Amino acid sequence: MMASFDDFKATKKGVAVGAILFDHDWQVEMVCLAKHGLPPAQAVGAEILKRVGALNDTEKQHVGRWIRDILATKGFKPISKGARVAAGNLFSRAALYGRIEAGENA
């Protein structure tokens, strides 16, 4: 059975990933990439790989959802899926983000 998103957050890997995703500097990097039309997952992929190790596909999906939730608090929403991520990252493809317009729900 696959672990739920909340279950993943409570695992050792999830806690380590959360430490990266909630770090202010990494959040700035993710927002910067989002502003420039690049997948924010690219900002943290190599760091997650280095500090946490490889993740399975379900765990990667959980990380993607977590990134989406964090970027929503910064005023960004996914605008497309499956964008190519630079080599050497945990992810091969990830979502692109755009600004949430005034009055729009994420």
C-alpha atoms as a PDB file:
ATOM      1  CA  MET A   1       0.000   0.000   0.000  1.00  0.00           C
ATOM      2  CA  MET A   2       1.291   3.459  -0.865  1.00  0.00           C
ATOM      3  CA  ALA A   3       1.851   5.900   1.951  1.00  0.00           C
ATOM      4  CA  SER A   4      -0.426   8.927   1.966  1.00  0.00           C
ATOM      5  CA  PHE A   5       1.015  12.417   1.670  1.00  0.00           C
ATOM      6  CA  ASP A   6       0.638  12.973   5.427  1.00  0.00           C
ATOM      7  CA  ASP A   7       2.205   9.574   6.149  1.00  0.00           C
ATOM      8  CA  PHE A   8       5.174  10.477   3.921  1.00  0.00           C
ATOM      9  CA  LYS A   9       5.699  13.780   5.777  1.00  0.00           C
ATOM     10  CA  ALA A  10       6.054  11.809   9.035  1.00  0.00           C
ATOM     11  CA  THR A  11       8.706   9.398   7.696  1.00  0.00           C
ATOM     12  CA  LYS A  12      12.438   9.943   8.158  1.00  0.00           C
ATOM     13  CA  LYS A  13      12.735  10.841   4.456  1.00  0.00           C
ATOM     14  CA  GLY A  14       9.714  13.129   4.680  1.00  0.00           C
ATOM     15  CA  VAL A  15      11.121  15.014   7.672  1.00  0.00           C
ATOM     16  CA  ALA A  16      14.442  15.472   5.827  1.00  0.00           C
ATOM     17  CA  VAL A  17      12.663  16.684   2.672  1.00  0.00           C
ATOM     18  CA  GLY A  18      10.525  19.060   4.760  1.00  0.00           C
ATOM     19  CA  ALA A  19      13.653  20.578   6.303  1.00  0.00           C
ATOM     20  CA  ILE A  20      14.799  21.505   2.784  1.00  0.00           C
ATOM     21  CA  LEU A  21      11.406  22.684   1.501  1.00  0.00           C
ATOM     22  CA  PHE A  22      10.750  24.897   4.535  1.00  0.00           C
ATOM     23  CA  ASP A  23      14.228  26.452   4.488  1.00  0.00           C
ATOM     24  CA  HIS A  24      13.878  30.142   3.568  1.00  0.00           C
ATOM     25  CA  ASP A  25      16.769  30.128   1.106  1.00  0.00           C
ATOM     26  CA  TRP A  26      15.396  27.112  -0.790  1.00  0.00           C
ATOM     27  CA  GLN A  27      11.958  28.734  -0.916  1.00  0.00           C
ATOM     28  CA  VAL A  28      13.532  31.864  -2.429  1.00  0.00           C
ATOM     29  CA  GLU A  29      15.215  29.649  -5.051  1.00  0.00           C
ATOM     30  CA  MET A  30      11.926  27.894  -5.873  1.00  0.00           C
ATOM     31  CA  VAL A  31      10.092  31.228  -6.277  1.00  0.00           C
ATOM     32  CA  CYS A  32      12.919  32.586  -8.427  1.00  0.00           C
ATOM     33  CA  LEU A  33      12.693  29.632 -10.814  1.00  0.00           C
ATOM     34  CA  ALA A  34       8.888  29.930 -10.905  1.00  0.00           C
ATOM     35  CA  LYS A  35       9.194  33.624 -11.856  1.00  0.00           C
ATOM     36  CA  HIS A  36      11.558  32.731 -14.706  1.00  0.00           C
ATOM     37  CA  GLY A  37       9.446  29.952 -16.207  1.00  0.00           C
ATOM     38  CA  LEU A  38      11.504  27.055 -14.866  1.00  0.00           C
ATOM     39  CA  PRO A  39      10.228  24.178 -12.701  1.00  0.00           C
ATOM     40  CA  PRO A  40      10.702  25.042  -8.996  1.00  0.00           C
ATOM     41  CA  ALA A  41      11.409  21.363  -8.236  1.00  0.00           C
ATOM     42  CA  GLN A  42      14.694  21.890 -10.079  1.00  0.00           C
ATOM     43  CA  ALA A  43      15.821  24.226  -7.256  1.00  0.00           C
ATOM     44  CA  VAL A  44      15.615  21.515  -4.597  1.00  0.00           C
ATOM     45  CA  GLY A  45      16.003  18.245  -6.526  1.00  0.00           C
ATOM     46  CA  ALA A  46      19.778  17.969  -6.294  1.00  0.00           C
ATOM     47  CA  GLU A  47      19.749  18.945  -2.603  1.00  0.00           C
ATOM     48  CA  ILE A  48      17.106  16.326  -1.802  1.00  0.00           C
ATOM     49  CA  LEU A  49      19.115  13.715  -3.711  1.00  0.00           C
ATOM     50  CA  LYS A  50      22.287  14.672  -1.816  1.00  0.00           C
ATOM     51  CA  ARG A  51      20.785  14.857   1.683  1.00  0.00           C
ATOM     52  CA  VAL A  52      17.934  12.316   1.508  1.00  0.00           C
ATOM     53  CA  GLY A  53      18.857   9.987  -1.332  1.00  0.00           C
ATOM     54  CA  ALA A  54      16.743   8.539  -4.100  1.00  0.00           C
ATOM     55  CA  LEU A  55      12.953   8.635  -3.782  1.00  0.00           C
ATOM     56  CA  ASN A  56      10.454   6.314  -5.427  1.00  0.00           C
ATOM     57  CA  ASP A  57       7.846   7.691  -7.837  1.00  0.00           C
ATOM     58  CA  THR A  58       5.177   8.031  -5.155  1.00  0.00           C
ATOM     59  CA  GLU A  59       7.563   9.890  -2.858  1.00  0.00           C
ATOM     60  CA  LYS A  60       8.495  12.219  -5.730  1.00  0.00           C
ATOM     61  CA  GLN A  61       4.788  12.913  -6.290  1.00  0.00           C
ATOM     62  CA  HIS A  62       4.433  13.770  -2.604  1.00  0.00           C
ATOM     63  CA  VAL A  63       7.387  16.177  -2.882  1.00  0.00           C
ATOM     64  CA  GLY A  64       5.734  17.772  -5.920  1.00  0.00           C
ATOM     65  CA  ARG A  65       2.495  18.240  -4.000  1.00  0.00           C
ATOM     66  CA  TRP A  66       4.415  19.739  -1.085  1.00  0.00           C
ATOM     67  CA  ILE A  67       6.145  22.186  -3.439  1.00  0.00           C
ATOM     68  CA  ARG A  68       2.729  23.105  -4.885  1.00  0.00           C
ATOM     69  CA  ASP A  69       1.338  23.764  -1.387  1.00  0.00           C
ATOM     70  CA  ILE A  70       4.333  25.912  -0.409  1.00  0.00           C
ATOM     71  CA  LEU A  71       4.279  27.917  -3.638  1.00  0.00           C
ATOM     72  CA  ALA A  72       0.542  28.560  -3.221  1.00  0.00           C
ATOM     73  CA  THR A  73       1.405  30.465  -0.031  1.00  0.00           C
ATOM     74  CA  LYS A  74       3.856  32.539  -2.110  1.00  0.00           C
ATOM     75  CA  GLY A  75       1.224  33.420  -4.719  1.00  0.00           C
ATOM     76  CA  PHE A  76       1.975  30.788  -7.378  1.00  0.00           C
ATOM     77  CA  LYS A  77      -0.073  28.013  -8.972  1.00  0.00           C
ATOM     78  CA  PRO A  78       0.831  25.204 -11.379  1.00  0.00           C
ATOM     79  CA  ILE A  79       0.258  26.226 -15.002  1.00  0.00           C
ATOM     80  CA  SER A  80       1.568  23.117 -16.779  1.00  0.00           C
ATOM     81  CA  LYS A  81       2.916  19.673 -15.979  1.00  0.00           C
ATOM     82  CA  GLY A  82       5.760  17.641 -17.364  1.00  0.00           C
ATOM     83  CA  ALA A  83       8.337  20.362 -18.020  1.00  0.00           C
ATOM     84  CA  ARG A  84      11.851  19.030 -18.492  1.00  0.00           C
ATOM     85  CA  VAL A  85      14.133  19.415 -15.466  1.00  0.00           C
ATOM     86  CA  ALA A  86      17.892  19.974 -15.853  1.00  0.00           C
ATOM     87  CA  ALA A  87      20.035  16.826 -15.625  1.00  0.00           C
ATOM     88  CA  GLY A  88      21.469  15.865 -12.236  1.00  0.00           C
ATOM     89  CA  ASN A  89      18.250  16.441 -10.341  1.00  0.00           C
ATOM     90  CA  LEU A  90      16.004  14.038  -8.501  1.00  0.00           C
ATOM     91  CA  PHE A  91      13.239  14.814 -10.990  1.00  0.00           C
ATOM     92  CA  SER A  92      13.249  14.398 -14.768  1.00  0.00           C
ATOM     93  CA  ARG A  93       9.990  16.337 -15.252  1.00  0.00           C
ATOM     94  CA  ALA A  94       8.069  18.751 -13.031  1.00  0.00           C
ATOM     95  CA  ALA A  95       5.351  21.415 -13.052  1.00  0.00           C
ATOM     96  CA  LEU A  96       5.786  25.006 -14.145  1.00  0.00           C
ATOM     97  CA  TYR A  97       4.184  27.748 -12.041  1.00  0.00           C
ATOM     98  CA  GLY A  98       2.666  31.158 -12.656  1.00  0.00           C
ATOM     99  CA  ARG A  99       1.396  33.935 -10.435  1.00  0.00           C
ATOM    100  CA  ILE A 100      -2.069  33.629  -8.943  1.00  0.00           C
ATOM    101  CA  GLU A 101      -4.011  36.654 -10.183  1.00  0.00           C
ATOM    102  CA  ALA A 102      -6.003  38.845  -7.761  1.00  0.00           C
ATOM    103  CA  GLY A 103      -9.375  37.291  -7.007  1.00  0.00           C
ATOM    104  CA  GLU A 104      -8.365  33.907  -8.423  1.00  0.00           C
ATOM    105  CA  ASN A 105      -8.397  30.739  -6.366  1.00  0.00           C
ATOM    106  CA  ALA A 106      -5.344  28.471  -6.538  1.00  0.00           C
END
